[in-house]
Protein backbone atom coordinates (compact mmCIF):
# COMPACT_ATOMS: atom_id res chain seq x y z
CA MET A 1 -0.01 0.18 -0.37
CA THR A 2 1.57 3.21 -1.02
CA MET A 3 1.25 6.28 1.16
CA GLY A 4 0.70 9.68 -0.34
CA ILE A 5 1.76 9.72 -3.94
CA ASP A 6 3.17 6.81 -5.60
CA PRO A 7 6.75 7.55 -6.11
CA ARG A 8 6.79 6.15 -9.73
CA ASP A 9 4.58 9.42 -10.15
CA LEU A 10 6.64 11.89 -8.88
CA ALA A 11 9.31 14.24 -10.59
CA GLU A 12 12.81 13.75 -9.53
CA GLU A 13 13.07 16.69 -7.52
CA ASP A 14 10.09 15.90 -5.73
CA LEU A 15 11.38 12.63 -4.78
CA LEU A 16 14.56 13.89 -3.78
CA ARG A 17 12.87 16.88 -1.42
CA GLU A 18 10.53 14.01 -0.01
CA LEU A 19 13.57 11.72 0.95
CA ARG A 20 15.37 14.58 2.48
CA HIS A 21 12.48 15.38 4.47
CA LEU A 22 11.73 11.77 5.81
CA HIS A 23 15.26 11.60 6.49
CA ALA A 24 14.99 14.95 8.67
CA THR A 25 12.09 13.70 10.47
CA ARG A 26 13.43 9.87 11.29
CA THR A 27 14.56 10.74 14.95
CA GLU A 28 11.37 12.43 15.67
CA ALA A 29 9.54 9.83 14.63
CA LEU A 30 11.56 7.03 16.57
CA LEU A 31 11.89 9.26 19.61
CA HIS A 32 8.12 10.49 19.83
CA GLY A 33 5.76 8.81 17.09
CA SER A 34 3.07 6.38 18.02
CA ALA A 35 4.16 2.31 16.90
CA GLU A 36 1.46 3.14 14.01
CA ALA A 37 3.26 6.76 12.60
CA LEU A 38 7.00 4.92 12.85
CA ALA A 39 5.83 1.76 10.57
CA ASN A 40 4.23 4.43 8.11
CA HIS A 41 7.41 6.74 8.41
CA THR A 42 9.55 3.50 7.80
CA THR A 43 6.94 2.26 5.23
CA ARG A 44 7.13 5.57 3.25
CA THR A 45 10.71 5.80 3.52
CA GLU A 46 11.13 2.22 1.98
CA GLU A 47 8.79 3.05 -0.83
CA LEU A 48 11.16 6.33 -1.62
CA GLU A 49 14.25 4.80 -1.35
CA GLN A 50 13.48 2.04 -3.70
CA GLU A 51 12.28 4.50 -6.06
CA TYR A 52 15.52 6.26 -6.17
CA LEU A 53 17.44 3.10 -6.59
CA ARG A 54 15.16 2.14 -9.60
CA ARG A 55 15.90 5.16 -11.45
CA HIS A 56 19.60 5.11 -10.15
CA PRO A 57 20.95 1.54 -10.16
CA GLU A 58 24.66 2.83 -11.63
CA ARG A 59 24.79 6.00 -8.82
CA ASP A 60 28.18 7.32 -7.86
CA VAL A 61 28.82 5.01 -4.76
CA ASP A 62 32.03 6.84 -2.62
CA PRO A 63 34.49 3.97 -2.48
CA GLU A 64 35.20 5.68 1.12
CA ARG A 65 31.41 4.41 2.27
CA LEU A 66 31.99 0.82 1.52
CA ARG A 67 33.58 -1.86 3.98
CA ASP A 68 36.96 -2.01 2.11
CA GLY A 69 37.35 1.88 2.32
CA ALA A 70 36.56 2.13 5.81
CA ARG A 71 38.97 -0.62 6.71
CA ARG A 72 41.64 1.40 4.42
CA ARG A 73 40.96 4.31 7.00
CA GLN A 74 41.16 2.14 10.32
CA GLY A 75 44.27 0.76 9.19
């Protein structure tokens, strides 16, 4: 079940804006939201993130964000 506008119908700018908003409000939903509000937040975030990944399968991945990159920083 999609909450709000189907992510496939969002323009790129709208998709990114929605993702930024959800990420910015995650801690508040976790600390102060009801169980249902947190579940809805999680569901919507997953929907939008999956749509982003569908659109950008070859997105620019920072090598430092990979396990091997993290290990090199520690060593």
